[in-house]
Amino acid sequence: MIEKATSFSATSIKDLYNITLASANAQSKQVYLFEQWDLSDLIGLEKAEKLRSVFLENQINIKQITNNPNVWKFSSNDAFINTLMSFRYVPKEIFETVYEVCIFDDTVAIYNKKEFLVIENSAYANTQKKLFMSIWEQWESPSLWFEYKPNHSFFNCFDFTINDIHTIIWPDAEARDAYNQMNKIEIEDYIATIIKDDNTNYKDVSYIICFIWSYNGDKMIDVWRFNHNHVDDRSWPLWDVIIYKNWEICKDLWIASGNTLLVLGYEEKLRRQSKNLQDYLKWPDPKLPLEIMNWKDFFL
């Protein structure tokens, strides 16, 4: 049972355990955490690991914002970390987390090692979630000093030009199942052949972003076509996708994953920050968060 109050009370291990247990049973399946301490430092390693098992059993996702640029391994439960956790680092001079704040459902828990307060109010909780996400979207992943293997990730992208069309390629984590025997030049030639053979679909294209992946061993490509000349409502370029399987247009499968849309969002954000299309194409690759990026070269 969680004791609720209208003012801070003295922090106890029981309070911290109970509020964490409540968040591990969140109806929304989502917890937002402004982190100050490792949970093990607050309630002890044994209790912390027990609660992490509850999070894992209930599949409660945790977004954690920290002032620490480096995050060390804090749990032996690798499935909990890799399946449920995602991280962002924000410097203290930008936004300092004086208290640890845990937000879930209609609840906001605010505490440190001395003071503890729980507020149950849907309007306040929603405001705190919006604040959290506004910070989350502006900042990048911290350095993780342990092996982090989320369920889905992309390799470093690479690019080349086909018939004066700049082409960016993002290899999916599963792409090696179908493309493992091909080097960079062979993959570029493979994609170039597809686009040349289907030339009518690429007459008015300004640039292309491709996602290569595998389906039952078949070579899959999502080719997103962008036309920056059709700007009539401040919505920026027109874009759509064609899916290919082994050189042919595929009509029986959807795009590879929702993570594809996340990557496209980071690319579009980078493009909007650029002065023009040429400037965007010269910029470094967007720095994707660790939960969808493994930062490894596809060809190593």
C-alpha atoms as a PDB file:
ATOM      1  CA  MET A   1       0.000   0.000   0.000  1.00  0.00           C
ATOM      2  CA  ILE A   2       1.285   3.490  -0.917  1.00  0.00           C
ATOM      3  CA  GLU A   3       0.896   6.180   1.695  1.00  0.00           C
ATOM      4  CA  LYS A   4      -0.165   9.443   0.000  1.00  0.00           C
ATOM      5  CA  ALA A   5       0.390  12.879   1.505  1.00  0.00           C
ATOM      6  CA  THR A   6       0.085  16.555   0.593  1.00  0.00           C
ATOM      7  CA  SER A   7       3.588  17.395   1.842  1.00  0.00           C
ATOM      8  CA  PHE A   8       6.944  15.686   2.048  1.00  0.00           C
ATOM      9  CA  SER A   9       7.478  13.009   4.676  1.00  0.00           C
ATOM     10  CA  ALA A  10      10.636  11.253   5.739  1.00  0.00           C
ATOM     11  CA  THR A  11      11.813   8.701   3.177  1.00  0.00           C
ATOM     12  CA  SER A  12      11.705   5.039   4.126  1.00  0.00           C
ATOM     13  CA  ILE A  13      12.801   1.917   2.266  1.00  0.00           C
ATOM     14  CA  LYS A  14       9.226   0.671   2.534  1.00  0.00           C
ATOM     15  CA  ASP A  15       7.893   3.786   0.731  1.00  0.00           C
ATOM     16  CA  LEU A  16      10.484   3.500  -2.029  1.00  0.00           C
ATOM     17  CA  TYR A  17       9.839  -0.219  -2.483  1.00  0.00           C
ATOM     18  CA  ASN A  18       6.053   0.237  -2.621  1.00  0.00           C
ATOM     19  CA  ILE A  19       6.084   3.095  -5.116  1.00  0.00           C
ATOM     20  CA  THR A  20       8.484   1.185  -7.356  1.00  0.00           C
ATOM     21  CA  LEU A  21       6.286  -1.909  -7.111  1.00  0.00           C
ATOM     22  CA  ALA A  22       3.268   0.198  -8.067  1.00  0.00           C
ATOM     23  CA  SER A  23       5.107   1.516 -11.119  1.00  0.00           C
ATOM     24  CA  ALA A  24       6.044  -2.062 -12.031  1.00  0.00           C
ATOM     25  CA  ASN A  25       2.297  -2.699 -12.305  1.00  0.00           C
ATOM     26  CA  ALA A  26       1.493   0.457 -14.283  1.00  0.00           C
ATOM     27  CA  GLN A  27      -1.692   0.100 -16.331  1.00  0.00           C
ATOM     28  CA  SER A  28      -0.201   2.223 -19.114  1.00  0.00           C
ATOM     29  CA  LYS A  29       2.829  -0.119 -19.351  1.00  0.00           C
ATOM     30  CA  GLN A  30       5.060   2.979 -19.337  1.00  0.00           C
ATOM     31  CA  VAL A  31       7.164   4.633 -16.619  1.00  0.00           C
ATOM     32  CA  TYR A  32       8.999   7.963 -16.953  1.00  0.00           C
ATOM     33  CA  LEU A  33      11.936   8.386 -14.572  1.00  0.00           C
ATOM     34  CA  PHE A  34      14.067  11.439 -13.818  1.00  0.00           C
ATOM     35  CA  GLU A  35      16.887   9.375 -12.303  1.00  0.00           C
ATOM     36  CA  GLN A  36      19.105  10.337  -9.395  1.00  0.00           C
ATOM     37  CA  TRP A  37      20.268   7.026  -7.927  1.00  0.00           C
ATOM     38  CA  ASP A  38      20.551   3.382  -8.774  1.00  0.00           C
ATOM     39  CA  LEU A  39      17.545   1.641  -7.238  1.00  0.00           C
ATOM     40  CA  SER A  40      19.921  -0.752  -5.466  1.00  0.00           C
ATOM     41  CA  ASP A  41      21.417   2.181  -3.559  1.00  0.00           C
ATOM     42  CA  LEU A  42      17.950   3.135  -2.301  1.00  0.00           C
ATOM     43  CA  ILE A  43      16.428  -0.205  -1.297  1.00  0.00           C
ATOM     44  CA  GLY A  44      19.251  -2.741  -1.595  1.00  0.00           C
ATOM     45  CA  LEU A  45      20.345  -5.032  -4.425  1.00  0.00           C
ATOM     46  CA  GLU A  46      18.115  -7.997  -3.552  1.00  0.00           C
ATOM     47  CA  LYS A  47      14.898  -5.948  -3.420  1.00  0.00           C
ATOM     48  CA  ALA A  48      15.870  -3.992  -6.537  1.00  0.00           C
ATOM     49  CA  GLU A  49      16.461  -7.139  -8.586  1.00  0.00           C
ATOM     50  CA  LYS A  50      13.175  -8.612  -7.369  1.00  0.00           C
ATOM     51  CA  LEU A  51      11.322  -5.516  -8.597  1.00  0.00           C
ATOM     52  CA  ARG A  52      13.133  -5.594 -11.937  1.00  0.00           C
ATOM     53  CA  SER A  53      11.774  -9.102 -12.431  1.00  0.00           C
ATOM     54  CA  VAL A  54       8.267  -7.727 -11.866  1.00  0.00           C
ATOM     55  CA  PHE A  55       8.854  -5.017 -14.492  1.00  0.00           C
ATOM     56  CA  LEU A  56      10.011  -7.710 -16.897  1.00  0.00           C
ATOM     57  CA  GLU A  57       7.099 -10.027 -16.156  1.00  0.00           C
ATOM     58  CA  ASN A  58       4.605  -7.202 -16.727  1.00  0.00           C
ATOM     59  CA  GLN A  59       6.524  -5.750 -19.726  1.00  0.00           C
ATOM     60  CA  ILE A  60       6.605  -2.223 -18.292  1.00  0.00           C
ATOM     61  CA  ASN A  61       8.779   0.058 -20.414  1.00  0.00           C
ATOM     62  CA  ILE A  62      10.995   2.587 -18.626  1.00  0.00           C
ATOM     63  CA  LYS A  63      12.302   5.811 -20.135  1.00  0.00           C
ATOM     64  CA  GLN A  64      15.065   7.207 -17.924  1.00  0.00           C
ATOM     65  CA  ILE A  65      16.550  10.703 -18.051  1.00  0.00           C
ATOM     66  CA  THR A  66      19.809  11.122 -16.154  1.00  0.00           C
ATOM     67  CA  ASN A  67      22.345  13.849 -15.394  1.00  0.00           C
ATOM     68  CA  ASN A  68      25.102  11.239 -15.620  1.00  0.00           C
ATOM     69  CA  PRO A  69      26.926  11.183 -18.970  1.00  0.00           C
ATOM     70  CA  ASN A  70      28.109   7.640 -18.193  1.00  0.00           C
ATOM     71  CA  VAL A  71      25.847   4.825 -17.044  1.00  0.00           C
ATOM     72  CA  TRP A  72      27.464   1.746 -15.524  1.00  0.00           C
ATOM     73  CA  LYS A  73      25.893  -1.693 -15.372  1.00  0.00           C
ATOM     74  CA  PHE A  74      23.299  -1.567 -12.597  1.00  0.00           C
ATOM     75  CA  SER A  75      21.570  -4.945 -12.860  1.00  0.00           C
ATOM     76  CA  SER A  76      22.397  -8.563 -13.633  1.00  0.00           C
ATOM     77  CA  ASN A  77      18.962  -8.876 -15.269  1.00  0.00           C
ATOM     78  CA  ASP A  78      20.048  -8.366 -18.885  1.00  0.00           C
ATOM     79  CA  ALA A  79      16.572  -9.098 -20.238  1.00  0.00           C
ATOM     80  CA  PHE A  80      15.159  -6.267 -18.117  1.00  0.00           C
ATOM     81  CA  ILE A  81      17.755  -3.786 -19.378  1.00  0.00           C
ATOM     82  CA  ASN A  82      17.636  -4.779 -23.038  1.00  0.00           C
ATOM     83  CA  THR A  83      13.891  -5.292 -23.337  1.00  0.00           C
ATOM     84  CA  LEU A  84      12.482  -2.465 -21.236  1.00  0.00           C
ATOM     85  CA  MET A  85      15.063   0.284 -20.619  1.00  0.00           C
ATOM     86  CA  SER A  86      15.922   3.312 -22.740  1.00  0.00           C
ATOM     87  CA  PHE A  87      18.086   6.262 -21.716  1.00  0.00           C
ATOM     88  CA  ARG A  88      18.734   9.952 -22.313  1.00  0.00           C
ATOM     89  CA  TYR A  89      21.429  12.200 -20.856  1.00  0.00           C
ATOM     90  CA  VAL A  90      20.830  15.874 -20.104  1.00  0.00           C
ATOM     91  CA  PRO A  91      23.558  18.039 -18.500  1.00  0.00           C
ATOM     92  CA  LYS A  92      22.864  19.441 -15.025  1.00  0.00           C
ATOM     93  CA  GLU A  93      23.301  23.011 -16.254  1.00  0.00           C
ATOM     94  CA  ILE A  94      20.380  22.448 -18.638  1.00  0.00           C
ATOM     95  CA  PHE A  95      18.010  20.530 -16.353  1.00  0.00           C
ATOM     96  CA  GLU A  96      19.124  19.243 -12.958  1.00  0.00           C
ATOM     97  CA  THR A  97      17.169  16.441 -11.296  1.00  0.00           C
ATOM     98  CA  VAL A  98      17.412  17.538  -7.643  1.00  0.00           C
ATOM     99  CA  TYR A  99      14.811  14.933  -6.696  1.00  0.00           C
ATOM    100  CA  GLU A 100      14.208  11.600  -8.353  1.00  0.00           C
ATOM    101  CA  VAL A 101      10.806  11.734 -10.053  1.00  0.00           C
ATOM    102  CA  CYS A 102       8.851   8.645 -11.102  1.00  0.00           C
ATOM    103  CA  ILE A 103       5.785   9.221 -13.297  1.00  0.00           C
ATOM    104  CA  PHE A 104       3.253   6.554 -14.297  1.00  0.00           C
ATOM    105  CA  ASP A 105      -0.502   6.385 -14.889  1.00  0.00           C
ATOM    106  CA  ASP A 106      -1.966   9.236 -12.754  1.00  0.00           C
ATOM    107  CA  THR A 107       0.864   9.144 -10.215  1.00  0.00           C
ATOM    108  CA  VAL A 108       3.928  11.328  -9.667  1.00  0.00           C
ATOM    109  CA  ALA A 109       6.378  10.234  -6.959  1.00  0.00           C
ATOM    110  CA  ILE A 110       9.023  12.778  -5.897  1.00  0.00           C
ATOM    111  CA  TYR A 111      11.787  11.721  -3.524  1.00  0.00           C
ATOM    112  CA  ASN A 112      15.393  11.739  -2.463  1.00  0.00           C
ATOM    113  CA  LYS A 113      17.128   9.885   0.362  1.00  0.00           C
ATOM    114  CA  LYS A 114      15.505  12.154   2.954  1.00  0.00           C
ATOM    115  CA  GLU A 115      12.136  13.304   1.577  1.00  0.00           C
ATOM    116  CA  PHE A 116       9.252  11.463  -0.077  1.00  0.00           C
ATOM    117  CA  LEU A 117       5.991  12.605  -1.675  1.00  0.00           C
ATOM    118  CA  VAL A 118       3.358  10.923  -3.865  1.00  0.00           C
ATOM    119  CA  ILE A 119       0.842  12.978  -5.849  1.00  0.00           C
ATOM    120  CA  GLU A 120      -2.090  11.275  -7.531  1.00  0.00           C
ATOM    121  CA  ASN A 121      -3.626  13.668 -10.026  1.00  0.00           C
ATOM    122  CA  SER A 122      -4.185  12.911 -13.699  1.00  0.00           C
ATOM    123  CA  ALA A 123      -3.759  16.526 -14.897  1.00  0.00           C
ATOM    124  CA  TYR A 124      -0.497  16.957 -12.970  1.00  0.00           C
ATOM    125  CA  ALA A 125       0.806  13.567 -14.113  1.00  0.00           C
ATOM    126  CA  ASN A 126       0.014  14.386 -17.752  1.00  0.00           C
ATOM    127  CA  THR A 127       1.836  17.715 -17.429  1.00  0.00           C
ATOM    128  CA  GLN A 128       4.890  15.957 -16.000  1.00  0.00           C
ATOM    129  CA  LYS A 129       4.817  13.401 -18.827  1.00  0.00           C
ATOM    130  CA  LYS A 130       4.770  16.205 -21.395  1.00  0.00           C
ATOM    131  CA  LEU A 131       7.681  17.935 -19.642  1.00  0.00           C
ATOM    132  CA  PHE A 132       9.585  14.656 -19.594  1.00  0.00           C
ATOM    133  CA  MET A 133       9.025  13.978 -23.298  1.00  0.00           C
ATOM    134  CA  SER A 134       9.943  17.535 -24.318  1.00  0.00           C
ATOM    135  CA  ILE A 135      13.326  16.996 -22.638  1.00  0.00           C
ATOM    136  CA  TRP A 136      13.623  13.417 -23.904  1.00  0.00           C
ATOM    137  CA  GLU A 137      13.226  14.403 -27.539  1.00  0.00           C
ATOM    138  CA  GLN A 138      15.956  17.056 -27.379  1.00  0.00           C
ATOM    139  CA  TRP A 139      18.766  14.986 -25.879  1.00  0.00           C
ATOM    140  CA  GLU A 140      20.907  11.995 -26.721  1.00  0.00           C
ATOM    141  CA  SER A 141      21.863   8.695 -25.175  1.00  0.00           C
ATOM    142  CA  PRO A 142      24.493   8.606 -22.428  1.00  0.00           C
ATOM    143  CA  SER A 143      27.590   6.428 -22.732  1.00  0.00           C
ATOM    144  CA  LEU A 144      26.668   2.964 -21.493  1.00  0.00           C
ATOM    145  CA  TRP A 145      29.586   1.079 -19.950  1.00  0.00           C
ATOM    146  CA  PHE A 146      28.080  -2.330 -20.535  1.00  0.00           C
ATOM    147  CA  GLU A 147      26.829  -4.304 -23.516  1.00  0.00           C
ATOM    148  CA  TYR A 148      23.397  -3.048 -24.454  1.00  0.00           C
ATOM    149  CA  LYS A 149      21.392  -5.202 -26.858  1.00  0.00           C
ATOM    150  CA  PRO A 150      17.878  -3.865 -27.350  1.00  0.00           C
ATOM    151  CA  ASN A 151      15.423  -6.001 -29.283  1.00  0.00           C
ATOM    152  CA  HIS A 152      15.838  -4.075 -32.499  1.00  0.00           C
ATOM    153  CA  SER A 153      18.698  -1.972 -33.852  1.00  0.00           C
ATOM    154  CA  PHE A 154      20.229  -0.563 -37.023  1.00  0.00           C
ATOM    155  CA  PHE A 155      23.813  -0.619 -38.246  1.00  0.00           C
ATOM    156  CA  ASN A 156      25.621   2.556 -39.298  1.00  0.00           C
ATOM    157  CA  CYS A 157      24.186   3.937 -42.499  1.00  0.00           C
ATOM    158  CA  PHE A 158      26.126   4.500 -45.704  1.00  0.00           C
ATOM    159  CA  ASP A 159      25.308   6.397 -48.880  1.00  0.00           C
ATOM    160  CA  PHE A 160      26.057   6.682 -52.584  1.00  0.00           C
ATOM    161  CA  THR A 161      24.570   8.265 -55.731  1.00  0.00           C
ATOM    162  CA  ILE A 162      22.391   6.621 -58.385  1.00  0.00           C
ATOM    163  CA  ASN A 163      21.717   8.641 -61.559  1.00  0.00           C
ATOM    164  CA  ASP A 164      22.370  11.866 -59.610  1.00  0.00           C
ATOM    165  CA  ILE A 165      19.944  10.748 -56.880  1.00  0.00           C
ATOM    166  CA  HIS A 166      21.545  10.733 -53.442  1.00  0.00           C
ATOM    167  CA  THR A 167      20.757   7.424 -51.738  1.00  0.00           C
ATOM    168  CA  ILE A 168      21.081   6.734 -47.987  1.00  0.00           C
ATOM    169  CA  ILE A 169      21.050   3.097 -46.835  1.00  0.00           C
ATOM    170  CA  TRP A 170      20.173   1.945 -43.306  1.00  0.00           C
ATOM    171  CA  PRO A 171      20.892  -1.773 -42.700  1.00  0.00           C
ATOM    172  CA  ASP A 172      18.403  -3.356 -40.317  1.00  0.00           C
ATOM    173  CA  ALA A 173      19.613  -5.676 -37.551  1.00  0.00           C
ATOM    174  CA  GLU A 174      18.254  -8.648 -39.527  1.00  0.00           C
ATOM    175  CA  ALA A 175      19.758  -7.588 -42.857  1.00  0.00           C
ATOM    176  CA  ARG A 176      22.761  -9.862 -42.496  1.00  0.00           C
ATOM    177  CA  ASP A 177      20.483 -12.887 -42.853  1.00  0.00           C
ATOM    178  CA  ALA A 178      20.101 -12.018 -46.534  1.00  0.00           C
ATOM    179  CA  TYR A 179      22.942  -9.598 -47.338  1.00  0.00           C
ATOM    180  CA  ASN A 180      25.807 -11.093 -45.331  1.00  0.00           C
ATOM    181  CA  GLN A 181      27.716 -12.338 -48.369  1.00  0.00           C
ATOM    182  CA  MET A 182      27.606  -8.958 -50.141  1.00  0.00           C
ATOM    183  CA  ASN A 183      30.090  -6.140 -49.701  1.00  0.00           C
ATOM    184  CA  LYS A 184      29.256  -2.430 -49.827  1.00  0.00           C
ATOM    185  CA  ILE A 185      29.803  -2.089 -53.585  1.00  0.00           C
ATOM    186  CA  GLU A 186      27.684  -5.175 -54.309  1.00  0.00           C
ATOM    187  CA  ILE A 187      24.788  -3.855 -52.206  1.00  0.00           C
ATOM    188  CA  GLU A 188      25.011  -0.468 -53.904  1.00  0.00           C
ATOM    189  CA  ASP A 189      25.000  -2.150 -57.336  1.00  0.00           C
ATOM    190  CA  TYR A 190      22.038  -4.310 -56.296  1.00  0.00           C
ATOM    191  CA  ILE A 191      19.977  -1.285 -55.253  1.00  0.00           C
ATOM    192  CA  ALA A 192      21.096   0.693 -58.311  1.00  0.00           C
ATOM    193  CA  THR A 193      19.897  -2.126 -60.575  1.00  0.00           C
ATOM    194  CA  ILE A 194      16.465  -2.141 -58.923  1.00  0.00           C
ATOM    195  CA  ILE A 195      16.067   1.618 -59.311  1.00  0.00           C
ATOM    196  CA  LYS A 196      17.291   1.664 -62.911  1.00  0.00           C
ATOM    197  CA  ASP A 197      14.947  -1.193 -63.853  1.00  0.00           C
ATOM    198  CA  ASP A 198      12.033   0.669 -62.234  1.00  0.00           C
ATOM    199  CA  ASN A 199      13.045   4.065 -63.561  1.00  0.00           C
ATOM    200  CA  THR A 200       9.498   5.392 -64.058  1.00  0.00           C
ATOM    201  CA  ASN A 201       8.963   5.452 -60.274  1.00  0.00           C
ATOM    202  CA  TYR A 202      12.026   7.661 -59.751  1.00  0.00           C
ATOM    203  CA  LYS A 203      11.630  10.439 -62.338  1.00  0.00           C
ATOM    204  CA  ASP A 204      10.872  13.238 -59.863  1.00  0.00           C
ATOM    205  CA  VAL A 205      12.840  11.975 -56.875  1.00  0.00           C
ATOM    206  CA  SER A 206      15.212  14.349 -55.045  1.00  0.00           C
ATOM    207  CA  TYR A 207      16.782  11.795 -52.708  1.00  0.00           C
ATOM    208  CA  ILE A 208      16.162   8.281 -51.401  1.00  0.00           C
ATOM    209  CA  ILE A 209      16.409   6.598 -47.994  1.00  0.00           C
ATOM    210  CA  CYS A 210      16.569   2.791 -48.148  1.00  0.00           C
ATOM    211  CA  PHE A 211      16.171   0.228 -45.372  1.00  0.00           C
ATOM    212  CA  ILE A 212      17.591  -3.194 -46.163  1.00  0.00           C
ATOM    213  CA  TRP A 213      16.305  -6.179 -44.185  1.00  0.00           C
ATOM    214  CA  SER A 214      15.550  -9.867 -44.483  1.00  0.00           C
ATOM    215  CA  TYR A 215      12.365 -11.911 -44.595  1.00  0.00           C
ATOM    216  CA  ASN A 216      12.766 -15.687 -44.603  1.00  0.00           C
ATOM    217  CA  GLY A 217      16.177 -15.169 -46.172  1.00  0.00           C
ATOM    218  CA  ASP A 218      14.857 -12.944 -48.980  1.00  0.00           C
ATOM    219  CA  LYS A 219      16.506  -9.608 -49.730  1.00  0.00           C
ATOM    220  CA  MET A 220      14.033  -6.917 -48.667  1.00  0.00           C
ATOM    221  CA  ILE A 221      14.338  -3.162 -49.277  1.00  0.00           C
ATOM    222  CA  ASP A 222      12.026  -0.342 -48.241  1.00  0.00           C
ATOM    223  CA  VAL A 223      12.803   2.519 -50.656  1.00  0.00           C
ATOM    224  CA  TRP A 224      11.486   5.847 -49.388  1.00  0.00           C
ATOM    225  CA  ARG A 225      11.275   8.413 -52.185  1.00  0.00           C
ATOM    226  CA  PHE A 226      11.438  12.143 -51.373  1.00  0.00           C
ATOM    227  CA  ASN A 227      10.481  15.057 -53.614  1.00  0.00           C
ATOM    228  CA  HIS A 228      11.449  18.402 -52.062  1.00  0.00           C
ATOM    229  CA  ASN A 229      10.001  20.455 -54.920  1.00  0.00           C
ATOM    230  CA  HIS A 230       6.366  19.918 -53.890  1.00  0.00           C
ATOM    231  CA  VAL A 231       6.211  22.262 -50.899  1.00  0.00           C
ATOM    232  CA  ASP A 232       2.774  23.841 -50.810  1.00  0.00           C
ATOM    233  CA  ASP A 233       1.659  23.774 -47.160  1.00  0.00           C
ATOM    234  CA  ARG A 234       4.838  24.007 -45.057  1.00  0.00           C
ATOM    235  CA  SER A 235       4.787  20.236 -44.620  1.00  0.00           C
ATOM    236  CA  TRP A 236       8.132  19.893 -46.419  1.00  0.00           C
ATOM    237  CA  PRO A 237       8.747  17.148 -48.970  1.00  0.00           C
ATOM    238  CA  LEU A 238       6.332  14.621 -50.346  1.00  0.00           C
ATOM    239  CA  TRP A 239       7.431  11.078 -49.623  1.00  0.00           C
ATOM    240  CA  ASP A 240       6.222   7.527 -50.079  1.00  0.00           C
ATOM    241  CA  VAL A 241       7.654   4.013 -50.044  1.00  0.00           C
ATOM    242  CA  ILE A 242       8.080   1.092 -52.410  1.00  0.00           C
ATOM    243  CA  ILE A 243       8.983  -2.318 -50.987  1.00  0.00           C
ATOM    244  CA  TYR A 244      11.094  -4.746 -53.019  1.00  0.00           C
ATOM    245  CA  LYS A 245      11.775  -8.429 -52.510  1.00  0.00           C
ATOM    246  CA  ASN A 246      14.621  -9.938 -54.554  1.00  0.00           C
ATOM    247  CA  TRP A 247      14.507  -7.263 -57.286  1.00  0.00           C
ATOM    248  CA  GLU A 248      10.687  -7.267 -57.607  1.00  0.00           C
ATOM    249  CA  ILE A 249       8.059  -4.939 -56.113  1.00  0.00           C
ATOM    250  CA  CYS A 250       6.532  -6.679 -53.109  1.00  0.00           C
ATOM    251  CA  LYS A 251       2.787  -6.291 -52.517  1.00  0.00           C
ATOM    252  CA  ASP A 252       2.179  -8.788 -49.716  1.00  0.00           C
ATOM    253  CA  LEU A 253       4.322  -7.280 -46.915  1.00  0.00           C
ATOM    254  CA  TRP A 254       4.273  -4.026 -44.957  1.00  0.00           C
ATOM    255  CA  ILE A 255       7.339  -1.946 -44.103  1.00  0.00           C
ATOM    256  CA  ALA A 256       9.928  -3.624 -41.870  1.00  0.00           C
ATOM    257  CA  SER A 257       9.135  -2.009 -38.504  1.00  0.00           C
ATOM    258  CA  GLY A 258       7.944   1.029 -36.614  1.00  0.00           C
ATOM    259  CA  ASN A 259      11.615   1.739 -35.887  1.00  0.00           C
ATOM    260  CA  THR A 260      11.923   2.577 -39.579  1.00  0.00           C
ATOM    261  CA  LEU A 261       9.607   5.529 -38.991  1.00  0.00           C
ATOM    262  CA  LEU A 262      11.711   6.641 -36.020  1.00  0.00           C
ATOM    263  CA  VAL A 263      14.843   6.708 -38.177  1.00  0.00           C
ATOM    264  CA  LEU A 264      12.997   8.664 -40.864  1.00  0.00           C
ATOM    265  CA  GLY A 265      11.958  11.150 -38.179  1.00  0.00           C
ATOM    266  CA  TYR A 266      15.589  11.724 -37.160  1.00  0.00           C
ATOM    267  CA  GLU A 267      16.568  12.136 -40.818  1.00  0.00           C
ATOM    268  CA  GLU A 268      13.758  14.636 -41.380  1.00  0.00           C
ATOM    269  CA  LYS A 269      14.709  16.594 -38.255  1.00  0.00           C
ATOM    270  CA  LEU A 270      18.275  16.843 -39.542  1.00  0.00           C
ATOM    271  CA  ARG A 271      17.060  17.948 -42.968  1.00  0.00           C
ATOM    272  CA  ARG A 272      14.892  20.702 -41.486  1.00  0.00           C
ATOM    273  CA  GLN A 273      17.849  21.986 -39.488  1.00  0.00           C
ATOM    274  CA  SER A 274      19.848  22.313 -42.717  1.00  0.00           C
ATOM    275  CA  LYS A 275      19.871  25.388 -44.933  1.00  0.00           C
ATOM    276  CA  ASN A 276      18.935  23.384 -48.004  1.00  0.00           C
ATOM    277  CA  LEU A 277      18.929  19.856 -49.417  1.00  0.00           C
ATOM    278  CA  GLN A 278      22.612  19.971 -50.388  1.00  0.00           C
ATOM    279  CA  ASP A 279      23.556  21.079 -46.887  1.00  0.00           C
ATOM    280  CA  TYR A 280      21.537  18.211 -45.375  1.00  0.00           C
ATOM    281  CA  LEU A 281      23.245  15.617 -47.571  1.00  0.00           C
ATOM    282  CA  LYS A 282      26.688  16.865 -46.433  1.00  0.00           C
ATOM    283  CA  TRP A 283      25.883  16.712 -42.706  1.00  0.00           C
ATOM    284  CA  PRO A 284      27.038  13.837 -40.483  1.00  0.00           C
ATOM    285  CA  ASP A 285      24.530  11.032 -40.016  1.00  0.00           C
ATOM    286  CA  PRO A 286      21.805  11.652 -37.418  1.00  0.00           C
ATOM    287  CA  LYS A 287      22.769  10.368 -33.978  1.00  0.00           C
ATOM    288  CA  LEU A 288      20.107   7.793 -33.230  1.00  0.00           C
ATOM    289  CA  PRO A 289      19.356   6.682 -29.668  1.00  0.00           C
ATOM    290  CA  LEU A 290      20.923   3.453 -28.446  1.00  0.00           C
ATOM    291  CA  GLU A 291      17.644   1.564 -28.310  1.00  0.00           C
ATOM    292  CA  ILE A 292      17.423   1.567 -32.124  1.00  0.00           C
ATOM    293  CA  MET A 293      21.110   1.898 -33.072  1.00  0.00           C
ATOM    294  CA  ASN A 294      24.057  -0.404 -32.415  1.00  0.00           C
ATOM    295  CA  TRP A 295      26.750   1.947 -33.850  1.00  0.00           C
ATOM    296  CA  LYS A 296      28.471  -0.925 -35.661  1.00  0.00           C
ATOM    297  CA  ASP A 297      29.638  -1.118 -39.250  1.00  0.00           C
ATOM    298  CA  PHE A 298      27.452  -3.531 -41.237  1.00  0.00           C
ATOM    299  CA  PHE A 299      30.475  -4.842 -43.172  1.00  0.00           C
ATOM    300  CA  LEU A 300      32.680  -5.812 -40.208  1.00  0.00           C
END
